[in-house]
Amino acid sequence: MLPPELPPLPALTRAEGELIDRYLEVADLMGRINPGRHGDTYSGLRAAQALVAKATALRDALALMHQRGETELHAPTLARALRVLDGERRTARVTVPPARAS
């Protein structure tokens, strides 16, 4: 049995696609660093070290969009792309986990 087919990505400019990819990479690293989640200091340290380069790439993607005249983020379209790329799960790891019941 094949897994269900994912919905197609919305039409994005190359720069918007780059923005989404870099944003999710940063979110993944922030999720690994999150002190409210289980993990060890070494993996958090490695993620923090990688975060510098990924944040720079995210900044560069936004700067390129701005230079090309793409001055507005089309949030509904970009949010759809994030959902298709599992962005809800990936960004949820950045938040503080819910309190445990005592």
PDB file of N, CA and C in Angstrom:
ATOM      1  N   MET A   1       0.844  -1.168   0.000  1.00  0.00           N
ATOM      2  CA  MET A   1       0.000   0.000   0.000  1.00  0.00           C
ATOM      3  C   MET A   1       0.897   1.242   0.000  1.00  0.00           C
ATOM      4  N   LEU A   2       0.601   2.160  -0.864  1.00  0.00           N
ATOM      5  CA  LEU A   2       1.377   3.392  -0.962  1.00  0.00           C
ATOM      6  C   LEU A   2       0.882   4.427   0.038  1.00  0.00           C
ATOM      7  N   PRO A   3       1.785   5.259   0.544  1.00  0.00           N
ATOM      8  CA  PRO A   3       1.339   6.325   1.454  1.00  0.00           C
ATOM      9  C   PRO A   3       0.493   7.330   0.679  1.00  0.00           C
ATOM     10  N   PRO A   4      -0.356   8.080   1.387  1.00  0.00           N
ATOM     11  CA  PRO A   4      -1.184   9.063   0.686  1.00  0.00           C
ATOM     12  C   PRO A   4      -0.315  10.104  -0.006  1.00  0.00           C
ATOM     13  N   GLU A   5      -0.772  10.541  -1.159  1.00  0.00           N
ATOM     14  CA  GLU A   5      -0.012  11.522  -1.922  1.00  0.00           C
ATOM     15  C   GLU A   5      -0.160  12.903  -1.288  1.00  0.00           C
ATOM     16  N   LEU A   6       0.969  13.585  -1.157  1.00  0.00           N
ATOM     17  CA  LEU A   6       0.948  14.932  -0.593  1.00  0.00           C
ATOM     18  C   LEU A   6       0.356  15.902  -1.588  1.00  0.00           C
ATOM     19  N   PRO A   7      -0.284  16.948  -1.091  1.00  0.00           N
ATOM     20  CA  PRO A   7      -0.769  17.963  -2.025  1.00  0.00           C
ATOM     21  C   PRO A   7       0.417  18.635  -2.695  1.00  0.00           C
ATOM     22  N   PRO A   8       0.217  19.154  -3.888  1.00  0.00           N
ATOM     23  CA  PRO A   8       1.345  19.798  -4.573  1.00  0.00           C
ATOM     24  C   PRO A   8       1.728  21.102  -3.885  1.00  0.00           C
ATOM     25  N   LEU A   9       2.994  21.442  -4.017  1.00  0.00           N
ATOM     26  CA  LEU A   9       3.449  22.745  -3.515  1.00  0.00           C
ATOM     27  C   LEU A   9       2.797  23.846  -4.343  1.00  0.00           C
ATOM     28  N   PRO A  10       2.445  24.955  -3.712  1.00  0.00           N
ATOM     29  CA  PRO A  10       1.938  26.074  -4.503  1.00  0.00           C
ATOM     30  C   PRO A  10       3.059  26.644  -5.368  1.00  0.00           C
ATOM     31  N   ALA A  11       2.677  27.370  -6.404  1.00  0.00           N
ATOM     32  CA  ALA A  11       3.679  28.000  -7.269  1.00  0.00           C
ATOM     33  C   ALA A  11       4.430  29.054  -6.471  1.00  0.00           C
ATOM     34  N   LEU A  12       5.746  28.917  -6.427  1.00  0.00           N
ATOM     35  CA  LEU A  12       6.605  29.847  -5.705  1.00  0.00           C
ATOM     36  C   LEU A  12       7.682  30.350  -6.649  1.00  0.00           C
ATOM     37  N   THR A  13       8.144  31.561  -6.407  1.00  0.00           N
ATOM     38  CA  THR A  13       9.332  32.017  -7.121  1.00  0.00           C
ATOM     39  C   THR A  13      10.520  31.230  -6.570  1.00  0.00           C
ATOM     40  N   ARG A  14      11.611  31.242  -7.274  1.00  0.00           N
ATOM     41  CA  ARG A  14      12.812  30.550  -6.789  1.00  0.00           C
ATOM     42  C   ARG A  14      13.232  31.126  -5.439  1.00  0.00           C
ATOM     43  N   ALA A  15      13.134  32.461  -5.304  1.00  0.00           N
ATOM     44  CA  ALA A  15      13.527  33.115  -4.051  1.00  0.00           C
ATOM     45  C   ALA A  15      12.583  32.722  -2.913  1.00  0.00           C
ATOM     46  N   GLU A  16      11.278  32.598  -3.193  1.00  0.00           N
ATOM     47  CA  GLU A  16      10.337  32.169  -2.151  1.00  0.00           C
ATOM     48  C   GLU A  16      10.629  30.732  -1.728  1.00  0.00           C
ATOM     49  N   GLY A  17      10.942  29.880  -2.677  1.00  0.00           N
ATOM     50  CA  GLY A  17      11.306  28.504  -2.345  1.00  0.00           C
ATOM     51  C   GLY A  17      12.546  28.453  -1.479  1.00  0.00           C
ATOM     52  N   GLU A  18      13.514  29.294  -1.813  1.00  0.00           N
ATOM     53  CA  GLU A  18      14.741  29.376  -1.012  1.00  0.00           C
ATOM     54  C   GLU A  18      14.423  29.866   0.402  1.00  0.00           C
ATOM     55  N   LEU A  19      13.558  30.853   0.518  1.00  0.00           N
ATOM     56  CA  LEU A  19      13.153  31.375   1.826  1.00  0.00           C
ATOM     57  C   LEU A  19      12.517  30.270   2.672  1.00  0.00           C
ATOM     58  N   ILE A  20      11.592  29.533   2.088  1.00  0.00           N
ATOM     59  CA  ILE A  20      10.916  28.459   2.825  1.00  0.00           C
ATOM     60  C   ILE A  20      11.923  27.399   3.271  1.00  0.00           C
ATOM     61  N   ASP A  21      12.809  26.995   2.369  1.00  0.00           N
ATOM     62  CA  ASP A  21      13.800  25.971   2.719  1.00  0.00           C
ATOM     63  C   ASP A  21      14.714  26.436   3.845  1.00  0.00           C
ATOM     64  N   ARG A  22      15.211  27.646   3.757  1.00  0.00           N
ATOM     65  CA  ARG A  22      16.124  28.159   4.787  1.00  0.00           C
ATOM     66  C   ARG A  22      15.387  28.349   6.117  1.00  0.00           C
ATOM     67  N   TYR A  23      14.141  28.828   6.064  1.00  0.00           N
ATOM     68  CA  TYR A  23      13.346  29.014   7.286  1.00  0.00           C
ATOM     69  C   TYR A  23      13.168  27.681   8.010  1.00  0.00           C
ATOM     70  N   LEU A  24      12.826  26.635   7.272  1.00  0.00           N
ATOM     71  CA  LEU A  24      12.620  25.334   7.905  1.00  0.00           C
ATOM     72  C   LEU A  24      13.922  24.755   8.453  1.00  0.00           C
ATOM     73  N   GLU A  25      15.031  25.021   7.789  1.00  0.00           N
ATOM     74  CA  GLU A  25      16.323  24.566   8.323  1.00  0.00           C
ATOM     75  C   GLU A  25      16.615  25.244   9.661  1.00  0.00           C
ATOM     76  N   VAL A  26      16.354  26.549   9.739  1.00  0.00           N
ATOM     77  CA  VAL A  26      16.562  27.277  10.994  1.00  0.00           C
ATOM     78  C   VAL A  26      15.611  26.752  12.071  1.00  0.00           C
ATOM     79  N   ALA A  27      14.358  26.508  11.695  1.00  0.00           N
ATOM     80  CA  ALA A  27      13.380  25.994  12.668  1.00  0.00           C
ATOM     81  C   ALA A  27      13.802  24.623  13.194  1.00  0.00           C
ATOM     82  N   ASP A  28      14.305  23.766  12.307  1.00  0.00           N
ATOM     83  CA  ASP A  28      14.766  22.445  12.746  1.00  0.00           C
ATOM     84  C   ASP A  28      15.896  22.574  13.770  1.00  0.00           C
ATOM     85  N   LEU A  29      16.841  23.469  13.495  1.00  0.00           N
ATOM     86  CA  LEU A  29      17.958  23.659  14.431  1.00  0.00           C
ATOM     87  C   LEU A  29      17.479  24.258  15.747  1.00  0.00           C
ATOM     88  N   MET A  30      16.579  25.220  15.687  1.00  0.00           N
ATOM     89  CA  MET A  30      16.045  25.816  16.919  1.00  0.00           C
ATOM     90  C   MET A  30      15.316  24.759  17.750  1.00  0.00           C
ATOM     91  N   GLY A  31      14.634  23.835  17.078  1.00  0.00           N
ATOM     92  CA  GLY A  31      13.973  22.743  17.795  1.00  0.00           C
ATOM     93  C   GLY A  31      14.970  21.843  18.506  1.00  0.00           C
ATOM     94  N   ARG A  32      16.135  21.643  17.905  1.00  0.00           N
ATOM     95  CA  ARG A  32      17.172  20.818  18.545  1.00  0.00           C
ATOM     96  C   ARG A  32      17.822  21.539  19.722  1.00  0.00           C
ATOM     97  N   ILE A  33      17.825  22.866  19.687  1.00  0.00           N
ATOM     98  CA  ILE A  33      18.440  23.663  20.751  1.00  0.00           C
ATOM     99  C   ILE A  33      17.468  23.898  21.906  1.00  0.00           C
ATOM    100  N   ASN A  34      16.185  23.804  21.667  1.00  0.00           N
ATOM    101  CA  ASN A  34      15.144  24.143  22.635  1.00  0.00           C
ATOM    102  C   ASN A  34      15.417  23.491  23.999  1.00  0.00           C
ATOM    103  N   PRO A  35      15.691  24.309  25.030  1.00  0.00           N
ATOM    104  CA  PRO A  35      16.005  23.741  26.347  1.00  0.00           C
ATOM    105  C   PRO A  35      14.785  23.113  27.025  1.00  0.00           C
ATOM    106  N   GLY A  36      13.591  23.373  26.531  1.00  0.00           N
ATOM    107  CA  GLY A  36      12.391  22.767  27.105  1.00  0.00           C
ATOM    108  C   GLY A  36      12.125  21.375  26.575  1.00  0.00           C
ATOM    109  N   ARG A  37      12.930  20.925  25.646  1.00  0.00           N
ATOM    110  CA  ARG A  37      12.775  19.595  25.049  1.00  0.00           C
ATOM    111  C   ARG A  37      13.926  18.699  25.494  1.00  0.00           C
ATOM    112  N   HIS A  38      13.680  17.402  25.436  1.00  0.00           N
ATOM    113  CA  HIS A  38      14.704  16.433  25.833  1.00  0.00           C
ATOM    114  C   HIS A  38      15.868  16.476  24.852  1.00  0.00           C
ATOM    115  N   GLY A  39      17.044  16.405  25.366  1.00  0.00           N
ATOM    116  CA  GLY A  39      18.227  16.366  24.514  1.00  0.00           C
ATOM    117  C   GLY A  39      19.470  16.499  25.364  1.00  0.00           C
ATOM    118  N   ASP A  40      20.604  16.477  24.692  1.00  0.00           N
ATOM    119  CA  ASP A  40      21.851  16.630  25.428  1.00  0.00           C
ATOM    120  C   ASP A  40      22.534  17.922  24.989  1.00  0.00           C
ATOM    121  N   THR A  41      23.474  18.384  25.792  1.00  0.00           N
ATOM    122  CA  THR A  41      24.130  19.658  25.507  1.00  0.00           C
ATOM    123  C   THR A  41      24.976  19.594  24.247  1.00  0.00           C
ATOM    124  N   TYR A  42      25.564  18.438  23.956  1.00  0.00           N
ATOM    125  CA  TYR A  42      26.412  18.354  22.776  1.00  0.00           C
ATOM    126  C   TYR A  42      25.600  18.536  21.495  1.00  0.00           C
ATOM    127  N   SER A  43      24.440  17.887  21.393  1.00  0.00           N
ATOM    128  CA  SER A  43      23.638  18.053  20.176  1.00  0.00           C
ATOM    129  C   SER A  43      23.100  19.477  20.088  1.00  0.00           C
ATOM    130  N   GLY A  44      22.793  20.072  21.238  1.00  0.00           N
ATOM    131  CA  GLY A  44      22.376  21.476  21.236  1.00  0.00           C
ATOM    132  C   GLY A  44      23.503  22.399  20.793  1.00  0.00           C
ATOM    133  N   LEU A  45      24.708  22.106  21.253  1.00  0.00           N
ATOM    134  CA  LEU A  45      25.873  22.891  20.848  1.00  0.00           C
ATOM    135  C   LEU A  45      26.109  22.781  19.352  1.00  0.00           C
ATOM    136  N   ARG A  46      26.039  21.570  18.819  1.00  0.00           N
ATOM    137  CA  ARG A  46      26.235  21.367  17.374  1.00  0.00           C
ATOM    138  C   ARG A  46      25.164  22.096  16.568  1.00  0.00           C
ATOM    139  N   ALA A  47      23.924  22.055  17.044  1.00  0.00           N
ATOM    140  CA  ALA A  47      22.839  22.754  16.348  1.00  0.00           C
ATOM    141  C   ALA A  47      23.052  24.265  16.405  1.00  0.00           C
ATOM    142  N   ALA A  48      23.500  24.771  17.546  1.00  0.00           N
ATOM    143  CA  ALA A  48      23.752  26.211  17.679  1.00  0.00           C
ATOM    144  C   ALA A  48      24.886  26.653  16.766  1.00  0.00           C
ATOM    145  N   GLN A  49      25.902  25.832  16.622  1.00  0.00           N
ATOM    146  CA  GLN A  49      26.996  26.168  15.719  1.00  0.00           C
ATOM    147  C   GLN A  49      26.516  26.205  14.269  1.00  0.00           C
ATOM    148  N   ALA A  50      25.686  25.265  13.884  1.00  0.00           N
ATOM    149  CA  ALA A  50      25.151  25.220  12.518  1.00  0.00           C
ATOM    150  C   ALA A  50      24.150  26.351  12.277  1.00  0.00           C
ATOM    151  N   LEU A  51      23.501  26.794  13.342  1.00  0.00           N
ATOM    152  CA  LEU A  51      22.486  27.841  13.218  1.00  0.00           C
ATOM    153  C   LEU A  51      23.058  29.126  12.628  1.00  0.00           C
ATOM    154  N   VAL A  52      24.282  29.439  12.934  1.00  0.00           N
ATOM    155  CA  VAL A  52      24.907  30.663  12.427  1.00  0.00           C
ATOM    156  C   VAL A  52      24.889  30.674  10.904  1.00  0.00           C
ATOM    157  N   ALA A  53      25.336  29.595  10.288  1.00  0.00           N
ATOM    158  CA  ALA A  53      25.378  29.514   8.823  1.00  0.00           C
ATOM    159  C   ALA A  53      23.973  29.503   8.232  1.00  0.00           C
ATOM    160  N   LYS A  54      23.063  28.779   8.857  1.00  0.00           N
ATOM    161  CA  LYS A  54      21.697  28.688   8.323  1.00  0.00           C
ATOM    162  C   LYS A  54      20.961  30.022   8.458  1.00  0.00           C
ATOM    163  N   ALA A  55      21.188  30.735   9.554  1.00  0.00           N
ATOM    164  CA  ALA A  55      20.566  32.053   9.715  1.00  0.00           C
ATOM    165  C   ALA A  55      21.114  33.029   8.683  1.00  0.00           C
ATOM    166  N   THR A  56      22.381  32.920   8.372  1.00  0.00           N
ATOM    167  CA  THR A  56      22.981  33.759   7.333  1.00  0.00           C
ATOM    168  C   THR A  56      22.350  33.447   5.980  1.00  0.00           C
ATOM    169  N   ALA A  57      22.131  32.182   5.690  1.00  0.00           N
ATOM    170  CA  ALA A  57      21.491  31.794   4.429  1.00  0.00           C
ATOM    171  C   ALA A  57      20.047  32.296   4.373  1.00  0.00           C
ATOM    172  N   LEU A  58      19.356  32.262   5.505  1.00  0.00           N
ATOM    173  CA  LEU A  58      17.995  32.796   5.563  1.00  0.00           C
ATOM    174  C   LEU A  58      18.000  34.296   5.296  1.00  0.00           C
ATOM    175  N   ARG A  59      18.925  34.996   5.929  1.00  0.00           N
ATOM    176  CA  ARG A  59      19.051  36.435   5.693  1.00  0.00           C
ATOM    177  C   ARG A  59      19.336  36.721   4.227  1.00  0.00           C
ATOM    178  N   ASP A  60      20.222  35.947   3.626  1.00  0.00           N
ATOM    179  CA  ASP A  60      20.569  36.143   2.224  1.00  0.00           C
ATOM    180  C   ASP A  60      19.374  35.892   1.307  1.00  0.00           C
ATOM    181  N   ALA A  61      18.556  34.900   1.627  1.00  0.00           N
ATOM    182  CA  ALA A  61      17.364  34.623   0.817  1.00  0.00           C
ATOM    183  C   ALA A  61      16.400  35.803   0.866  1.00  0.00           C
ATOM    184  N   LEU A  62      16.216  36.365   2.059  1.00  0.00           N
ATOM    185  CA  LEU A  62      15.334  37.535   2.186  1.00  0.00           C
ATOM    186  C   LEU A  62      15.925  38.761   1.493  1.00  0.00           C
ATOM    187  N   ALA A  63      17.222  38.938   1.594  1.00  0.00           N
ATOM    188  CA  ALA A  63      17.876  40.074   0.941  1.00  0.00           C
ATOM    189  C   ALA A  63      17.747  39.966  -0.577  1.00  0.00           C
ATOM    190  N   LEU A  64      17.894  38.761  -1.102  1.00  0.00           N
ATOM    191  CA  LEU A  64      17.758  38.560  -2.536  1.00  0.00           C
ATOM    192  C   LEU A  64      16.336  38.870  -2.998  1.00  0.00           C
ATOM    193  N   MET A  65      15.355  38.433  -2.234  1.00  0.00           N
ATOM    194  CA  MET A  65      13.964  38.748  -2.571  1.00  0.00           C
ATOM    195  C   MET A  65      13.769  40.261  -2.615  1.00  0.00           C
ATOM    196  N   HIS A  66      14.279  40.934  -1.627  1.00  0.00           N
ATOM    197  CA  HIS A  66      14.126  42.385  -1.556  1.00  0.00           C
ATOM    198  C   HIS A  66      14.815  43.064  -2.740  1.00  0.00           C
ATOM    199  N   GLN A  67      16.018  42.621  -3.066  1.00  0.00           N
ATOM    200  CA  GLN A  67      16.751  43.201  -4.191  1.00  0.00           C
ATOM    201  C   GLN A  67      16.034  42.982  -5.517  1.00  0.00           C
ATOM    202  N   ARG A  68      15.345  41.886  -5.652  1.00  0.00           N
ATOM    203  CA  ARG A  68      14.617  41.574  -6.886  1.00  0.00           C
ATOM    204  C   ARG A  68      13.266  42.275  -6.963  1.00  0.00           C
ATOM    205  N   GLY A  69      12.939  43.030  -5.935  1.00  0.00           N
ATOM    206  CA  GLY A  69      11.666  43.734  -5.935  1.00  0.00           C
ATOM    207  C   GLY A  69      10.522  42.939  -5.330  1.00  0.00           C
ATOM    208  N   GLU A  70      10.817  41.763  -4.784  1.00  0.00           N
ATOM    209  CA  GLU A  70       9.792  40.973  -4.098  1.00  0.00           C
ATOM    210  C   GLU A  70       9.698  41.506  -2.673  1.00  0.00           C
ATOM    211  N   THR A  71       8.986  42.603  -2.524  1.00  0.00           N
ATOM    212  CA  THR A  71       8.968  43.290  -1.236  1.00  0.00           C
ATOM    213  C   THR A  71       7.841  42.829  -0.321  1.00  0.00           C
ATOM    214  N   GLU A  72       6.969  41.998  -0.816  1.00  0.00           N
ATOM    215  CA  GLU A  72       5.832  41.553  -0.012  1.00  0.00           C
ATOM    216  C   GLU A  72       5.852  40.036   0.109  1.00  0.00           C
ATOM    217  N   LEU A  73       5.651  39.540   1.331  1.00  0.00           N
ATOM    218  CA  LEU A  73       5.523  38.099   1.548  1.00  0.00           C
ATOM    219  C   LEU A  73       4.050  37.726   1.381  1.00  0.00           C
ATOM    220  N   HIS A  74       3.774  36.769   0.543  1.00  0.00           N
ATOM    221  CA  HIS A  74       2.399  36.310   0.312  1.00  0.00           C
ATOM    222  C   HIS A  74       2.108  35.188   1.301  1.00  0.00           C
ATOM    223  N   ALA A  75       1.700  35.597   2.498  1.00  0.00           N
ATOM    224  CA  ALA A  75       1.577  34.679   3.627  1.00  0.00           C
ATOM    225  C   ALA A  75       0.693  33.463   3.352  1.00  0.00           C
ATOM    226  N   PRO A  76      -0.487  33.611   2.763  1.00  0.00           N
ATOM    227  CA  PRO A  76      -1.301  32.395   2.549  1.00  0.00           C
ATOM    228  C   PRO A  76      -0.596  31.355   1.672  1.00  0.00           C
ATOM    229  N   THR A  77       0.072  31.799   0.630  1.00  0.00           N
ATOM    230  CA  THR A  77       0.781  30.884  -0.266  1.00  0.00           C
ATOM    231  C   THR A  77       1.976  30.257   0.446  1.00  0.00           C
ATOM    232  N   LEU A  78       2.732  31.066   1.157  1.00  0.00           N
ATOM    233  CA  LEU A  78       3.902  30.548   1.870  1.00  0.00           C
ATOM    234  C   LEU A  78       3.484  29.615   3.004  1.00  0.00           C
ATOM    235  N   ALA A  79       2.381  29.914   3.672  1.00  0.00           N
ATOM    236  CA  ALA A  79       1.883  29.034   4.729  1.00  0.00           C
ATOM    237  C   ALA A  79       1.463  27.687   4.151  1.00  0.00           C
ATOM    238  N   ARG A  80       0.846  27.694   2.973  1.00  0.00           N
ATOM    239  CA  ARG A  80       0.487  26.434   2.316  1.00  0.00           C
ATOM    240  C   ARG A  80       1.734  25.612   2.007  1.00  0.00           C
ATOM    241  N   ALA A  81       2.768  26.273   1.519  1.00  0.00           N
ATOM    242  CA  ALA A  81       4.026  25.573   1.235  1.00  0.00           C
ATOM    243  C   ALA A  81       4.620  24.988   2.515  1.00  0.00           C
ATOM    244  N   LEU A  82       4.574  25.745   3.601  1.00  0.00           N
ATOM    245  CA  LEU A  82       5.087  25.242   4.884  1.00  0.00           C
ATOM    246  C   LEU A  82       4.322  24.004   5.330  1.00  0.00           C
ATOM    247  N   ARG A  83       3.000  24.022   5.162  1.00  0.00           N
ATOM    248  CA  ARG A  83       2.196  22.860   5.567  1.00  0.00           C
ATOM    249  C   ARG A  83       2.550  21.623   4.739  1.00  0.00           C
ATOM    250  N   VAL A  84       2.714  21.795   3.425  1.00  0.00           N
ATOM    251  CA  VAL A  84       3.065  20.669   2.560  1.00  0.00           C
ATOM    252  C   VAL A  84       4.418  20.083   2.970  1.00  0.00           C
ATOM    253  N   LEU A  85       5.335  20.933   3.409  1.00  0.00           N
ATOM    254  CA  LEU A  85       6.680  20.500   3.790  1.00  0.00           C
ATOM    255  C   LEU A  85       6.782  20.143   5.275  1.00  0.00           C
ATOM    256  N   ASP A  86       5.646  19.852   5.911  1.00  0.00           N
ATOM    257  CA  ASP A  86       5.602  19.409   7.311  1.00  0.00           C
ATOM    258  C   ASP A  86       6.060  20.502   8.279  1.00  0.00           C
ATOM    259  N   GLY A  87       5.842  21.744   7.899  1.00  0.00           N
ATOM    260  CA  GLY A  87       6.271  22.875   8.716  1.00  0.00           C
ATOM    261  C   GLY A  87       5.598  22.959  10.068  1.00  0.00           C
ATOM    262  N   GLU A  88       4.351  22.502  10.154  1.00  0.00           N
ATOM    263  CA  GLU A  88       3.662  22.573  11.454  1.00  0.00           C
ATOM    264  C   GLU A  88       4.369  21.713  12.493  1.00  0.00           C
ATOM    265  N   ARG A  89       4.725  20.501  12.119  1.00  0.00           N
ATOM    266  CA  ARG A  89       5.428  19.617  13.057  1.00  0.00           C
ATOM    267  C   ARG A  89       6.826  20.156  13.347  1.00  0.00           C
ATOM    268  N   ARG A  90       7.514  20.599  12.300  1.00  0.00           N
ATOM    269  CA  ARG A  90       8.899  21.041  12.453  1.00  0.00           C
ATOM    270  C   ARG A  90       8.995  22.302  13.301  1.00  0.00           C
ATOM    271  N   THR A  91       8.072  23.222  13.159  1.00  0.00           N
ATOM    272  CA  THR A  91       8.124  24.448  13.949  1.00  0.00           C
ATOM    273  C   THR A  91       7.543  24.252  15.352  1.00  0.00           C
ATOM    274  N   ALA A  92       6.739  23.217  15.555  1.00  0.00           N
ATOM    275  CA  ALA A  92       6.171  22.964  16.891  1.00  0.00           C
ATOM    276  C   ALA A  92       7.262  22.633  17.904  1.00  0.00           C
ATOM    277  N   ARG A  93       8.382  22.093  17.437  1.00  0.00           N
ATOM    278  CA  ARG A  93       9.475  21.735  18.352  1.00  0.00           C
ATOM    279  C   ARG A  93      10.174  22.965  18.918  1.00  0.00           C
ATOM    280  N   VAL A  94       9.918  24.134  18.333  1.00  0.00           N
ATOM    281  CA  VAL A  94      10.547  25.371  18.817  1.00  0.00           C
ATOM    282  C   VAL A  94       9.801  25.920  20.032  1.00  0.00           C
ATOM    283  N   THR A  95       8.536  25.586  20.166  1.00  0.00           N
ATOM    284  CA  THR A  95       7.713  26.138  21.250  1.00  0.00           C
ATOM    285  C   THR A  95       8.003  25.403  22.574  1.00  0.00           C
ATOM    286  N   VAL A  96       7.546  26.012  23.648  1.00  0.00           N
ATOM    287  CA  VAL A  96       7.663  25.391  24.975  1.00  0.00           C
ATOM    288  C   VAL A  96       6.647  24.255  25.040  1.00  0.00           C
ATOM    289  N   PRO A  97       7.082  23.057  25.436  1.00  0.00           N
ATOM    290  CA  PRO A  97       6.144  21.943  25.505  1.00  0.00           C
ATOM    291  C   PRO A  97       5.080  22.197  26.568  1.00  0.00           C
ATOM    292  N   PRO A  98       3.907  21.587  26.393  1.00  0.00           N
ATOM    293  CA  PRO A  98       2.846  21.764  27.393  1.00  0.00           C
ATOM    294  C   PRO A  98       3.275  21.211  28.755  1.00  0.00           C
ATOM    295  N   ALA A  99       2.734  21.806  29.804  1.00  0.00           N
ATOM    296  CA  ALA A  99       3.040  21.350  31.166  1.00  0.00           C
ATOM    297  C   ALA A  99       2.475  19.957  31.380  1.00  0.00           C
ATOM    298  N   ARG A 100       3.205  19.158  32.109  1.00  0.00           N
ATOM    299  CA  ARG A 100       2.736  17.816  32.442  1.00  0.00           C
ATOM    300  C   ARG A 100       1.754  17.887  33.588  1.00  0.00           C
ATOM    301  N   ALA A 101       0.743  17.047  33.527  1.00  0.00           N
ATOM    302  CA  ALA A 101      -0.215  16.973  34.633  1.00  0.00           C
ATOM    303  C   ALA A 101       0.446  16.292  35.829  1.00  0.00           C
ATOM    304  N   SER A 102       0.238  16.805  37.022  1.00  0.00           N
ATOM    305  CA  SER A 102       0.875  16.226  38.215  1.00  0.00           C
ATOM    306  C   SER A 102       0.044  15.139  38.805  1.00  0.00           C
TER     307      SER A 102
END
